[in-house]
């Protein structure tokens, strides 16, 4: 049998108005339920669920779910080989006061009728986005296909004669990134890492970084925790994952864009100074003098005096050279005579 096209898989999914959703609690207790859903242009699923339900609590606790679409029994040629489509998903809570909430609620109303207005009026109901990160489509015996890549459009047949090959990325959630980065064990490594710590960051978060680089995690920007996790993912983790490589600087501009978004929303002021500094660091890492001046301004706030000292230091380097000379060798840039002199001195930033 030929490998199914992405359009064939989408046609199978589109015949269902409800999805089956499997979750676990933080202690590992399983739960299964169902919900009517709508889908956006990126094939993310949205469900309206009660905050009083067990599966909703699980979604909020773990940030993960599995979704199942399965062929009805009366349409199956063999009940042991019903066609089915499963997705492993990350969870995003859509704020009630957001434009996305209004847009999806209207989509629910257009799909399921005026009853949605009743759910919108219930304060405990949550609008949750389920973002697929990998999937499996099973057509019949010996006909299983793994879905991966951008938009899950890479379709690979599973060969039962060979050991299974995992193609699903080891995706982290915003909560997992923040809990890892801001715990007491990680803090000593922030600016004085070790090869062992770099390897741990690479093992746990490289797949998530690559997904973010491909634009698959833009929905994280919709709340403060997700946005902060993206900044850490783009501005900090690359220096551990790709140390001494040009890739370590690739996502700095995106980190600054997200930081500006957080500052514009006032989310930076909701953070303690320790977390807030990581919202401001992308400007300190910029080779643009205006960004450097902005970093000095941001770090002048009370409680951030140590960061202010380093902001001045970074700004003065960019003001003097127009860039960071210590990056030249990694980025393939030629040092000027003044930069060679500076890099050979005791005051050089390394």
C-alpha atoms as a PDB file:
ATOM      1  CA  UNK A   1       0.000   0.000   0.000  1.00  0.00           C
ATOM      2  CA  UNK A   2       1.239   3.502  -0.836  1.00  0.00           C
ATOM      3  CA  UNK A   3       2.130   5.878   1.978  1.00  0.00           C
ATOM      4  CA  UNK A   4      -0.947   8.025   2.666  1.00  0.00           C
ATOM      5  CA  UNK A   5      -0.712  11.690   1.788  1.00  0.00           C
ATOM      6  CA  UNK A   6      -1.147  14.371   4.421  1.00  0.00           C
ATOM      7  CA  UNK A   7      -4.438  15.288   2.732  1.00  0.00           C
ATOM      8  CA  UNK A   8      -5.722  11.718   3.188  1.00  0.00           C
ATOM      9  CA  UNK A   9      -4.909  11.825   6.889  1.00  0.00           C
ATOM     10  CA  UNK A  10      -6.583  15.203   7.250  1.00  0.00           C
ATOM     11  CA  UNK A  11      -9.702  13.904   5.457  1.00  0.00           C
ATOM     12  CA  UNK A  12      -9.902  11.023   7.938  1.00  0.00           C
ATOM     13  CA  UNK A  13      -9.634  13.426  10.882  1.00  0.00           C
ATOM     14  CA  UNK A  14     -12.162  15.893   9.439  1.00  0.00           C
ATOM     15  CA  UNK A  15     -15.036  13.382   9.576  1.00  0.00           C
ATOM     16  CA  UNK A  16     -15.087  13.570  13.392  1.00  0.00           C
ATOM     17  CA  UNK A  17     -16.666  16.326  15.463  1.00  0.00           C
ATOM     18  CA  UNK A  18     -15.386  14.972  18.778  1.00  0.00           C
ATOM     19  CA  UNK A  19     -12.007  13.693  19.898  1.00  0.00           C
ATOM     20  CA  UNK A  20     -11.034  11.171  22.551  1.00  0.00           C
ATOM     21  CA  UNK A  21      -8.504  12.597  24.977  1.00  0.00           C
ATOM     22  CA  UNK A  22      -6.195  10.678  27.307  1.00  0.00           C
ATOM     23  CA  UNK A  23      -4.426  12.429  30.186  1.00  0.00           C
ATOM     24  CA  UNK A  24      -2.534  11.568  33.346  1.00  0.00           C
ATOM     25  CA  UNK A  25      -2.273  13.362  36.639  1.00  0.00           C
ATOM     26  CA  UNK A  26       1.062  14.548  37.992  1.00  0.00           C
ATOM     27  CA  UNK A  27       1.175  11.335  40.039  1.00  0.00           C
ATOM     28  CA  UNK A  28       0.555   9.169  36.947  1.00  0.00           C
ATOM     29  CA  UNK A  29      -3.143   8.358  37.396  1.00  0.00           C
ATOM     30  CA  UNK A  30      -4.687   7.885  33.921  1.00  0.00           C
ATOM     31  CA  UNK A  31      -7.934   9.426  32.717  1.00  0.00           C
ATOM     32  CA  UNK A  32      -9.796   9.241  29.410  1.00  0.00           C
ATOM     33  CA  UNK A  33     -12.633  11.434  28.160  1.00  0.00           C
ATOM     34  CA  UNK A  34     -13.970  13.041  25.013  1.00  0.00           C
ATOM     35  CA  UNK A  35     -14.811  16.557  23.857  1.00  0.00           C
ATOM     36  CA  UNK A  36     -16.213  18.340  20.817  1.00  0.00           C
ATOM     37  CA  UNK A  37     -13.432  20.292  19.132  1.00  0.00           C
ATOM     38  CA  UNK A  38     -12.563  22.810  16.448  1.00  0.00           C
ATOM     39  CA  UNK A  39      -9.298  23.093  14.542  1.00  0.00           C
ATOM     40  CA  UNK A  40      -7.303  26.101  13.327  1.00  0.00           C
ATOM     41  CA  UNK A  41      -5.306  26.629  10.128  1.00  0.00           C
ATOM     42  CA  UNK A  42      -2.254  24.983  11.714  1.00  0.00           C
ATOM     43  CA  UNK A  43      -4.232  21.873  12.649  1.00  0.00           C
ATOM     44  CA  UNK A  44      -4.163  22.638  16.374  1.00  0.00           C
ATOM     45  CA  UNK A  45      -7.207  21.355  18.268  1.00  0.00           C
ATOM     46  CA  UNK A  46      -9.329  23.430  20.664  1.00  0.00           C
ATOM     47  CA  UNK A  47     -11.679  22.072  23.334  1.00  0.00           C
ATOM     48  CA  UNK A  48     -14.036  23.742  25.818  1.00  0.00           C
ATOM     49  CA  UNK A  49     -13.730  21.812  29.085  1.00  0.00           C
ATOM     50  CA  UNK A  50     -14.881  22.328  32.646  1.00  0.00           C
ATOM     51  CA  UNK A  51     -12.223  23.291  35.157  1.00  0.00           C
ATOM     52  CA  UNK A  52     -14.007  21.000  37.637  1.00  0.00           C
ATOM     53  CA  UNK A  53     -13.275  17.858  35.607  1.00  0.00           C
ATOM     54  CA  UNK A  54     -10.418  15.516  36.344  1.00  0.00           C
ATOM     55  CA  UNK A  55      -9.025  15.574  32.815  1.00  0.00           C
ATOM     56  CA  UNK A  56      -8.877  19.384  32.848  1.00  0.00           C
ATOM     57  CA  UNK A  57      -6.895  19.320  36.084  1.00  0.00           C
ATOM     58  CA  UNK A  58      -4.566  16.804  34.448  1.00  0.00           C
ATOM     59  CA  UNK A  59      -4.098  19.056  31.427  1.00  0.00           C
ATOM     60  CA  UNK A  60      -3.200  21.985  33.663  1.00  0.00           C
ATOM     61  CA  UNK A  61      -0.832  19.910  35.809  1.00  0.00           C
ATOM     62  CA  UNK A  62       1.153  18.089  33.123  1.00  0.00           C
ATOM     63  CA  UNK A  63       0.720  20.186  29.970  1.00  0.00           C
ATOM     64  CA  UNK A  64       0.322  17.019  27.881  1.00  0.00           C
ATOM     65  CA  UNK A  65      -2.415  14.883  26.337  1.00  0.00           C
ATOM     66  CA  UNK A  66      -2.964  12.201  23.722  1.00  0.00           C
ATOM     67  CA  UNK A  67      -5.773  12.527  21.207  1.00  0.00           C
ATOM     68  CA  UNK A  68      -7.478   9.674  19.361  1.00  0.00           C
ATOM     69  CA  UNK A  69      -9.727   9.560  16.289  1.00  0.00           C
ATOM     70  CA  UNK A  70     -10.955   6.029  15.539  1.00  0.00           C
ATOM     71  CA  UNK A  71     -13.096   4.560  12.795  1.00  0.00           C
ATOM     72  CA  UNK A  72     -16.672   3.739  13.945  1.00  0.00           C
ATOM     73  CA  UNK A  73     -17.276   0.051  14.616  1.00  0.00           C
ATOM     74  CA  UNK A  74     -20.077  -0.224  12.072  1.00  0.00           C
ATOM     75  CA  UNK A  75     -17.735   1.050   9.316  1.00  0.00           C
ATOM     76  CA  UNK A  76     -14.775  -1.186  10.121  1.00  0.00           C
ATOM     77  CA  UNK A  77     -14.064  -4.244   7.995  1.00  0.00           C
ATOM     78  CA  UNK A  78     -12.197  -5.800  10.922  1.00  0.00           C
ATOM     79  CA  UNK A  79     -12.719  -4.731  14.528  1.00  0.00           C
ATOM     80  CA  UNK A  80      -9.132  -5.717  15.307  1.00  0.00           C
ATOM     81  CA  UNK A  81      -7.811  -3.303  12.686  1.00  0.00           C
ATOM     82  CA  UNK A  82      -9.962  -0.199  12.867  1.00  0.00           C
ATOM     83  CA  UNK A  83      -8.370   2.817  11.218  1.00  0.00           C
ATOM     84  CA  UNK A  84      -7.178   5.267  13.820  1.00  0.00           C
ATOM     85  CA  UNK A  85      -5.205   8.470  14.151  1.00  0.00           C
ATOM     86  CA  UNK A  86      -3.424   9.468  17.352  1.00  0.00           C
ATOM     87  CA  UNK A  87      -1.536  12.605  18.332  1.00  0.00           C
ATOM     88  CA  UNK A  88       0.765  13.414  21.225  1.00  0.00           C
ATOM     89  CA  UNK A  89      -0.041  17.007  22.149  1.00  0.00           C
ATOM     90  CA  UNK A  90       1.168  19.890  24.247  1.00  0.00           C
ATOM     91  CA  UNK A  91      -1.363  22.003  26.093  1.00  0.00           C
ATOM     92  CA  UNK A  92      -1.902  25.753  25.911  1.00  0.00           C
ATOM     93  CA  UNK A  93      -4.508  27.600  27.991  1.00  0.00           C
ATOM     94  CA  UNK A  94      -6.204  30.374  26.006  1.00  0.00           C
ATOM     95  CA  UNK A  95      -6.880  33.445  28.204  1.00  0.00           C
ATOM     96  CA  UNK A  96     -10.497  34.606  28.358  1.00  0.00           C
ATOM     97  CA  UNK A  97      -9.533  38.204  27.687  1.00  0.00           C
ATOM     98  CA  UNK A  98      -7.670  37.397  24.467  1.00  0.00           C
ATOM     99  CA  UNK A  99      -8.684  37.858  20.844  1.00  0.00           C
ATOM    100  CA  UNK A 100      -7.945  34.180  20.294  1.00  0.00           C
ATOM    101  CA  UNK A 101     -10.561  33.225  22.898  1.00  0.00           C
ATOM    102  CA  UNK A 102     -13.209  35.284  21.087  1.00  0.00           C
ATOM    103  CA  UNK A 103     -12.196  33.924  17.678  1.00  0.00           C
ATOM    104  CA  UNK A 104     -12.292  30.270  18.748  1.00  0.00           C
ATOM    105  CA  UNK A 105     -15.493  30.690  20.758  1.00  0.00           C
ATOM    106  CA  UNK A 106     -17.160  32.100  17.648  1.00  0.00           C
ATOM    107  CA  UNK A 107     -15.798  29.158  15.649  1.00  0.00           C
ATOM    108  CA  UNK A 108     -17.324  26.787  18.226  1.00  0.00           C
ATOM    109  CA  UNK A 109     -20.662  28.612  17.936  1.00  0.00           C
ATOM    110  CA  UNK A 110     -20.640  28.410  14.141  1.00  0.00           C
ATOM    111  CA  UNK A 111     -19.880  24.688  14.364  1.00  0.00           C
ATOM    112  CA  UNK A 112     -22.039  23.551  17.274  1.00  0.00           C
ATOM    113  CA  UNK A 113     -24.705  26.215  17.633  1.00  0.00           C
ATOM    114  CA  UNK A 114     -25.873  28.736  20.217  1.00  0.00           C
ATOM    115  CA  UNK A 115     -25.333  26.326  23.151  1.00  0.00           C
ATOM    116  CA  UNK A 116     -21.720  27.526  23.126  1.00  0.00           C
ATOM    117  CA  UNK A 117     -22.927  30.865  24.515  1.00  0.00           C
ATOM    118  CA  UNK A 118     -23.974  28.993  27.655  1.00  0.00           C
ATOM    119  CA  UNK A 119     -20.503  27.476  28.042  1.00  0.00           C
ATOM    120  CA  UNK A 120     -18.866  30.846  27.458  1.00  0.00           C
ATOM    121  CA  UNK A 121     -20.856  32.216  30.352  1.00  0.00           C
ATOM    122  CA  UNK A 122     -19.680  29.530  32.804  1.00  0.00           C
ATOM    123  CA  UNK A 123     -16.669  30.834  34.703  1.00  0.00           C
ATOM    124  CA  UNK A 124     -15.162  27.387  35.289  1.00  0.00           C
ATOM    125  CA  UNK A 125     -14.991  26.488  31.593  1.00  0.00           C
ATOM    126  CA  UNK A 126     -11.568  26.693  29.976  1.00  0.00           C
ATOM    127  CA  UNK A 127     -10.617  26.999  26.327  1.00  0.00           C
ATOM    128  CA  UNK A 128      -7.620  24.747  25.773  1.00  0.00           C
ATOM    129  CA  UNK A 129      -5.458  24.375  22.700  1.00  0.00           C
ATOM    130  CA  UNK A 130      -3.948  20.938  22.023  1.00  0.00           C
ATOM    131  CA  UNK A 131      -0.885  21.308  19.805  1.00  0.00           C
ATOM    132  CA  UNK A 132       0.183  18.055  18.086  1.00  0.00           C
ATOM    133  CA  UNK A 133       3.925  17.368  18.247  1.00  0.00           C
ATOM    134  CA  UNK A 134       3.901  13.838  16.784  1.00  0.00           C
ATOM    135  CA  UNK A 135       1.354  11.318  15.561  1.00  0.00           C
ATOM    136  CA  UNK A 136       0.547   7.843  14.288  1.00  0.00           C
ATOM    137  CA  UNK A 137      -1.903   6.823  11.560  1.00  0.00           C
ATOM    138  CA  UNK A 138      -2.892   3.145  11.445  1.00  0.00           C
ATOM    139  CA  UNK A 139      -4.745   1.971   8.346  1.00  0.00           C
ATOM    140  CA  UNK A 140      -4.774  -1.775   9.053  1.00  0.00           C
ATOM    141  CA  UNK A 141      -2.568  -4.744   9.889  1.00  0.00           C
ATOM    142  CA  UNK A 142       1.055  -3.920   9.044  1.00  0.00           C
ATOM    143  CA  UNK A 143       0.052  -0.470   7.836  1.00  0.00           C
ATOM    144  CA  UNK A 144       1.173   1.974  10.523  1.00  0.00           C
ATOM    145  CA  UNK A 145       2.678   5.381   9.746  1.00  0.00           C
ATOM    146  CA  UNK A 146       4.520   7.786  12.007  1.00  0.00           C
ATOM    147  CA  UNK A 147       3.916  11.525  11.574  1.00  0.00           C
ATOM    148  CA  UNK A 148       6.610  14.038  12.406  1.00  0.00           C
ATOM    149  CA  UNK A 149       8.355  17.193  11.225  1.00  0.00           C
ATOM    150  CA  UNK A 150       6.937  20.647  10.603  1.00  0.00           C
ATOM    151  CA  UNK A 151       3.158  20.409  10.462  1.00  0.00           C
ATOM    152  CA  UNK A 152       3.509  16.610  10.953  1.00  0.00           C
ATOM    153  CA  UNK A 153       3.855  16.250   7.191  1.00  0.00           C
ATOM    154  CA  UNK A 154       6.761  13.825   7.313  1.00  0.00           C
ATOM    155  CA  UNK A 155       5.045  10.427   6.978  1.00  0.00           C
ATOM    156  CA  UNK A 156       7.123   7.310   7.557  1.00  0.00           C
ATOM    157  CA  UNK A 157       5.854   3.756   7.296  1.00  0.00           C
ATOM    158  CA  UNK A 158       6.640   1.601  10.317  1.00  0.00           C
ATOM    159  CA  UNK A 159       8.443  -1.558   9.199  1.00  0.00           C
ATOM    160  CA  UNK A 160       7.394  -4.399  11.540  1.00  0.00           C
ATOM    161  CA  UNK A 161      10.464  -6.433  10.558  1.00  0.00           C
ATOM    162  CA  UNK A 162      12.788  -3.840  12.053  1.00  0.00           C
ATOM    163  CA  UNK A 163      13.109  -2.387  15.544  1.00  0.00           C
ATOM    164  CA  UNK A 164      10.887   0.668  15.869  1.00  0.00           C
ATOM    165  CA  UNK A 165      12.617   3.960  15.218  1.00  0.00           C
ATOM    166  CA  UNK A 166      11.419   6.904  17.267  1.00  0.00           C
ATOM    167  CA  UNK A 167      10.770   9.929  15.096  1.00  0.00           C
ATOM    168  CA  UNK A 168       8.746  11.889  17.639  1.00  0.00           C
ATOM    169  CA  UNK A 169      10.681  14.750  19.245  1.00  0.00           C
ATOM    170  CA  UNK A 170      11.257  14.807  22.987  1.00  0.00           C
ATOM    171  CA  UNK A 171       9.282  18.001  23.456  1.00  0.00           C
ATOM    172  CA  UNK A 172       9.456  19.924  26.714  1.00  0.00           C
ATOM    173  CA  UNK A 173       6.663  22.101  28.065  1.00  0.00           C
ATOM    174  CA  UNK A 174       7.122  25.719  29.233  1.00  0.00           C
ATOM    175  CA  UNK A 175       6.734  24.518  32.817  1.00  0.00           C
ATOM    176  CA  UNK A 176       9.502  21.941  32.393  1.00  0.00           C
ATOM    177  CA  UNK A 177      11.855  24.543  30.926  1.00  0.00           C
ATOM    178  CA  UNK A 178      11.244  27.022  33.736  1.00  0.00           C
ATOM    179  CA  UNK A 179      11.449  24.424  36.485  1.00  0.00           C
ATOM    180  CA  UNK A 180      14.735  23.156  35.069  1.00  0.00           C
ATOM    181  CA  UNK A 181      16.335  26.555  34.527  1.00  0.00           C
ATOM    182  CA  UNK A 182      15.322  28.209  37.779  1.00  0.00           C
ATOM    183  CA  UNK A 183      16.038  25.376  40.185  1.00  0.00           C
ATOM    184  CA  UNK A 184      18.893  25.562  42.654  1.00  0.00           C
ATOM    185  CA  UNK A 185      20.971  22.957  40.793  1.00  0.00           C
ATOM    186  CA  UNK A 186      20.958  24.915  37.523  1.00  0.00           C
ATOM    187  CA  UNK A 187      21.665  28.386  38.896  1.00  0.00           C
ATOM    188  CA  UNK A 188      25.423  27.894  39.412  1.00  0.00           C
ATOM    189  CA  UNK A 189      25.629  26.832  35.740  1.00  0.00           C
ATOM    190  CA  UNK A 190      23.974  29.927  34.260  1.00  0.00           C
ATOM    191  CA  UNK A 191      27.195  31.802  33.570  1.00  0.00           C
ATOM    192  CA  UNK A 192      29.794  29.172  34.463  1.00  0.00           C
ATOM    193  CA  UNK A 193      28.702  25.938  32.804  1.00  0.00           C
ATOM    194  CA  UNK A 194      30.352  22.551  32.582  1.00  0.00           C
ATOM    195  CA  UNK A 195      30.454  20.010  29.729  1.00  0.00           C
ATOM    196  CA  UNK A 196      28.165  17.767  31.777  1.00  0.00           C
ATOM    197  CA  UNK A 197      25.546  20.483  32.203  1.00  0.00           C
ATOM    198  CA  UNK A 198      25.761  21.413  28.515  1.00  0.00           C
ATOM    199  CA  UNK A 199      25.133  17.762  27.637  1.00  0.00           C
ATOM    200  CA  UNK A 200      22.110  17.648  29.943  1.00  0.00           C
ATOM    201  CA  UNK A 201      20.575  20.740  28.324  1.00  0.00           C
ATOM    202  CA  UNK A 202      21.230  19.254  24.876  1.00  0.00           C
ATOM    203  CA  UNK A 203      19.634  15.932  25.776  1.00  0.00           C
ATOM    204  CA  UNK A 204      16.540  17.441  27.369  1.00  0.00           C
ATOM    205  CA  UNK A 205      15.839  20.448  25.189  1.00  0.00           C
ATOM    206  CA  UNK A 206      17.465  20.296  21.740  1.00  0.00           C
ATOM    207  CA  UNK A 207      14.326  18.858  20.101  1.00  0.00           C
ATOM    208  CA  UNK A 208      12.243  21.604  21.669  1.00  0.00           C
ATOM    209  CA  UNK A 209      14.710  24.263  20.486  1.00  0.00           C
ATOM    210  CA  UNK A 210      14.532  22.943  16.926  1.00  0.00           C
ATOM    211  CA  UNK A 211      10.723  22.947  17.064  1.00  0.00           C
ATOM    212  CA  UNK A 212      10.776  26.544  18.263  1.00  0.00           C
ATOM    213  CA  UNK A 213      13.233  27.506  15.546  1.00  0.00           C
ATOM    214  CA  UNK A 214      10.834  25.996  12.977  1.00  0.00           C
ATOM    215  CA  UNK A 215       8.020  28.196  14.308  1.00  0.00           C
ATOM    216  CA  UNK A 216       6.040  25.404  15.958  1.00  0.00           C
ATOM    217  CA  UNK A 217       5.982  27.032  19.420  1.00  0.00           C
ATOM    218  CA  UNK A 218       4.695  30.506  18.590  1.00  0.00           C
ATOM    219  CA  UNK A 219       1.554  29.807  20.610  1.00  0.00           C
ATOM    220  CA  UNK A 220       3.729  29.852  23.765  1.00  0.00           C
ATOM    221  CA  UNK A 221       3.877  33.647  23.426  1.00  0.00           C
ATOM    222  CA  UNK A 222       0.238  33.895  24.507  1.00  0.00           C
ATOM    223  CA  UNK A 223       1.007  33.873  28.247  1.00  0.00           C
ATOM    224  CA  UNK A 224       3.863  35.056  30.437  1.00  0.00           C
ATOM    225  CA  UNK A 225       5.217  31.634  31.400  1.00  0.00           C
ATOM    226  CA  UNK A 226       5.299  30.440  27.803  1.00  0.00           C
ATOM    227  CA  UNK A 227       6.966  33.648  26.624  1.00  0.00           C
ATOM    228  CA  UNK A 228       9.616  33.473  29.357  1.00  0.00           C
ATOM    229  CA  UNK A 229      10.267  29.816  28.510  1.00  0.00           C
ATOM    230  CA  UNK A 230      10.785  30.765  24.845  1.00  0.00           C
ATOM    231  CA  UNK A 231      13.295  33.451  25.799  1.00  0.00           C
ATOM    232  CA  UNK A 232      15.272  30.937  27.865  1.00  0.00           C
ATOM    233  CA  UNK A 233      14.983  28.419  25.023  1.00  0.00           C
ATOM    234  CA  UNK A 234      16.232  30.880  22.379  1.00  0.00           C
ATOM    235  CA  UNK A 235      18.652  33.082  24.327  1.00  0.00           C
ATOM    236  CA  UNK A 236      20.201  30.742  26.922  1.00  0.00           C
ATOM    237  CA  UNK A 237      19.923  27.096  25.899  1.00  0.00           C
ATOM    238  CA  UNK A 238      21.697  27.493  22.510  1.00  0.00           C
ATOM    239  CA  UNK A 239      24.907  28.487  24.317  1.00  0.00           C
ATOM    240  CA  UNK A 240      24.806  25.141  26.110  1.00  0.00           C
ATOM    241  CA  UNK A 241      23.555  23.026  23.200  1.00  0.00           C
ATOM    242  CA  UNK A 242      25.796  24.572  20.511  1.00  0.00           C
ATOM    243  CA  UNK A 243      28.692  25.999  22.507  1.00  0.00           C
ATOM    244  CA  UNK A 244      31.405  27.595  20.304  1.00  0.00           C
ATOM    245  CA  UNK A 245      29.196  27.234  17.228  1.00  0.00           C
ATOM    246  CA  UNK A 246      27.407  29.884  15.154  1.00  0.00           C
ATOM    247  CA  UNK A 247      24.062  28.216  15.899  1.00  0.00           C
ATOM    248  CA  UNK A 248      24.319  29.475  19.485  1.00  0.00           C
ATOM    249  CA  UNK A 249      23.482  33.001  18.243  1.00  0.00           C
ATOM    250  CA  UNK A 250      20.845  32.139  15.612  1.00  0.00           C
ATOM    251  CA  UNK A 251      17.701  32.878  17.649  1.00  0.00           C
ATOM    252  CA  UNK A 252      18.786  36.018  19.508  1.00  0.00           C
ATOM    253  CA  UNK A 253      16.589  38.324  17.421  1.00  0.00           C
ATOM    254  CA  UNK A 254      13.535  36.168  18.075  1.00  0.00           C
ATOM    255  CA  UNK A 255      14.321  36.241  21.794  1.00  0.00           C
ATOM    256  CA  UNK A 256      14.413  40.052  21.696  1.00  0.00           C
ATOM    257  CA  UNK A 257      11.084  40.196  19.861  1.00  0.00           C
ATOM    258  CA  UNK A 258       9.464  38.039  22.522  1.00  0.00           C
ATOM    259  CA  UNK A 259      11.085  40.101  25.280  1.00  0.00           C
ATOM    260  CA  UNK A 260       9.642  43.289  23.769  1.00  0.00           C
ATOM    261  CA  UNK A 261       6.238  41.611  23.702  1.00  0.00           C
ATOM    262  CA  UNK A 262       6.536  40.693  27.384  1.00  0.00           C
ATOM    263  CA  UNK A 263       7.595  44.222  28.347  1.00  0.00           C
ATOM    264  CA  UNK A 264       4.781  45.764  26.300  1.00  0.00           C
ATOM    265  CA  UNK A 265       2.262  43.536  28.093  1.00  0.00           C
ATOM    266  CA  UNK A 266       3.785  44.360  31.487  1.00  0.00           C
ATOM    267  CA  UNK A 267       4.549  40.709  32.121  1.00  0.00           C
ATOM    268  CA  UNK A 268       8.146  41.462  33.115  1.00  0.00           C
ATOM    269  CA  UNK A 269       6.894  43.369  36.150  1.00  0.00           C
ATOM    270  CA  UNK A 270       5.038  40.285  37.352  1.00  0.00           C
ATOM    271  CA  UNK A 271       8.333  38.399  37.713  1.00  0.00           C
ATOM    272  CA  UNK A 272      10.835  38.473  40.547  1.00  0.00           C
ATOM    273  CA  UNK A 273      14.174  40.143  39.682  1.00  0.00           C
ATOM    274  CA  UNK A 274      15.897  36.790  39.140  1.00  0.00           C
ATOM    275  CA  UNK A 275      13.466  35.735  36.407  1.00  0.00           C
ATOM    276  CA  UNK A 276      13.078  39.262  35.061  1.00  0.00           C
ATOM    277  CA  UNK A 277      16.771  39.530  34.214  1.00  0.00           C
ATOM    278  CA  UNK A 278      16.328  36.793  31.610  1.00  0.00           C
ATOM    279  CA  UNK A 279      13.664  38.899  29.868  1.00  0.00           C
ATOM    280  CA  UNK A 280      16.215  41.722  29.600  1.00  0.00           C
ATOM    281  CA  UNK A 281      19.344  39.718  28.749  1.00  0.00           C
ATOM    282  CA  UNK A 282      18.511  39.388  25.014  1.00  0.00           C
ATOM    283  CA  UNK A 283      19.060  43.154  24.695  1.00  0.00           C
ATOM    284  CA  UNK A 284      22.439  42.844  26.456  1.00  0.00           C
ATOM    285  CA  UNK A 285      23.370  40.151  23.936  1.00  0.00           C
ATOM    286  CA  UNK A 286      22.567  42.342  20.926  1.00  0.00           C
ATOM    287  CA  UNK A 287      25.245  43.924  18.747  1.00  0.00           C
ATOM    288  CA  UNK A 288      22.936  46.886  18.110  1.00  0.00           C
ATOM    289  CA  UNK A 289      23.849  49.926  20.220  1.00  0.00           C
ATOM    290  CA  UNK A 290      20.215  50.995  20.666  1.00  0.00           C
ATOM    291  CA  UNK A 291      19.440  47.590  22.161  1.00  0.00           C
ATOM    292  CA  UNK A 292      22.445  47.972  24.446  1.00  0.00           C
ATOM    293  CA  UNK A 293      21.246  51.368  25.676  1.00  0.00           C
ATOM    294  CA  UNK A 294      17.832  49.817  26.283  1.00  0.00           C
ATOM    295  CA  UNK A 295      19.450  47.045  28.326  1.00  0.00           C
ATOM    296  CA  UNK A 296      21.201  49.632  30.516  1.00  0.00           C
ATOM    297  CA  UNK A 297      17.846  51.332  31.073  1.00  0.00           C
ATOM    298  CA  UNK A 298      16.076  48.069  31.915  1.00  0.00           C
ATOM    299  CA  UNK A 299      18.748  46.908  34.343  1.00  0.00           C
ATOM    300  CA  UNK A 300      18.728  50.255  36.154  1.00  0.00           C
ATOM    301  CA  UNK A 301      15.591  49.136  38.006  1.00  0.00           C
ATOM    302  CA  UNK A 302      15.802  48.544  41.746  1.00  0.00           C
ATOM    303  CA  UNK A 303      16.927  45.036  42.587  1.00  0.00           C
ATOM    304  CA  UNK A 304      18.885  44.541  39.363  1.00  0.00           C
ATOM    305  CA  UNK A 305      22.086  46.398  40.245  1.00  0.00           C
ATOM    306  CA  UNK A 306      24.416  43.491  39.436  1.00  0.00           C
ATOM    307  CA  UNK A 307      22.883  43.127  35.989  1.00  0.00           C
ATOM    308  CA  UNK A 308      23.222  46.883  35.440  1.00  0.00           C
ATOM    309  CA  UNK A 309      27.005  46.607  35.907  1.00  0.00           C
ATOM    310  CA  UNK A 310      27.183  43.957  33.166  1.00  0.00           C
ATOM    311  CA  UNK A 311      24.816  45.916  30.933  1.00  0.00           C
ATOM    312  CA  UNK A 312      27.234  48.851  31.050  1.00  0.00           C
ATOM    313  CA  UNK A 313      30.111  46.494  30.266  1.00  0.00           C
ATOM    314  CA  UNK A 314      28.365  44.997  27.220  1.00  0.00           C
ATOM    315  CA  UNK A 315      27.223  48.392  25.959  1.00  0.00           C
ATOM    316  CA  UNK A 316      30.738  49.798  26.159  1.00  0.00           C
ATOM    317  CA  UNK A 317      32.108  46.907  24.078  1.00  0.00           C
ATOM    318  CA  UNK A 318      29.483  47.431  21.345  1.00  0.00           C
ATOM    319  CA  UNK A 319      29.966  51.198  21.503  1.00  0.00           C
ATOM    320  CA  UNK A 320      33.726  50.716  21.021  1.00  0.00           C
ATOM    321  CA  UNK A 321      33.750  48.017  18.326  1.00  0.00           C
ATOM    322  CA  UNK A 322      30.227  47.941  16.893  1.00  0.00           C
ATOM    323  CA  UNK A 323      30.049  44.242  17.763  1.00  0.00           C
ATOM    324  CA  UNK A 324      31.381  41.647  20.210  1.00  0.00           C
ATOM    325  CA  UNK A 325      34.923  40.751  19.099  1.00  0.00           C
ATOM    326  CA  UNK A 326      34.857  37.500  21.067  1.00  0.00           C
ATOM    327  CA  UNK A 327      32.209  36.190  18.623  1.00  0.00           C
ATOM    328  CA  UNK A 328      34.299  36.803  15.517  1.00  0.00           C
ATOM    329  CA  UNK A 329      36.027  33.439  15.311  1.00  0.00           C
ATOM    330  CA  UNK A 330      32.782  31.505  15.805  1.00  0.00           C
ATOM    331  CA  UNK A 331      30.914  33.604  13.241  1.00  0.00           C
ATOM    332  CA  UNK A 332      33.733  33.562  10.697  1.00  0.00           C
ATOM    333  CA  UNK A 333      34.445  37.286  10.979  1.00  0.00           C
ATOM    334  CA  UNK A 334      37.897  38.814  10.554  1.00  0.00           C
ATOM    335  CA  UNK A 335      39.297  40.666  13.549  1.00  0.00           C
ATOM    336  CA  UNK A 336      40.382  44.259  13.078  1.00  0.00           C
ATOM    337  CA  UNK A 337      43.781  45.313  14.459  1.00  0.00           C
ATOM    338  CA  UNK A 338      42.025  47.032  17.400  1.00  0.00           C
ATOM    339  CA  UNK A 339      40.030  43.877  18.104  1.00  0.00           C
ATOM    340  CA  UNK A 340      43.164  41.726  18.020  1.00  0.00           C
ATOM    341  CA  UNK A 341      44.759  44.031  20.556  1.00  0.00           C
ATOM    342  CA  UNK A 342      41.654  43.957  22.734  1.00  0.00           C
ATOM    343  CA  UNK A 343      41.256  40.160  22.598  1.00  0.00           C
ATOM    344  CA  UNK A 344      44.869  39.752  23.672  1.00  0.00           C
ATOM    345  CA  UNK A 345      44.417  41.971  26.696  1.00  0.00           C
ATOM    346  CA  UNK A 346      43.434  41.094  30.229  1.00  0.00           C
ATOM    347  CA  UNK A 347      40.131  43.004  30.016  1.00  0.00           C
ATOM    348  CA  UNK A 348      38.779  41.086  27.031  1.00  0.00           C
ATOM    349  CA  UNK A 349      35.312  39.566  27.386  1.00  0.00           C
ATOM    350  CA  UNK A 350      35.603  35.835  26.740  1.00  0.00           C
END
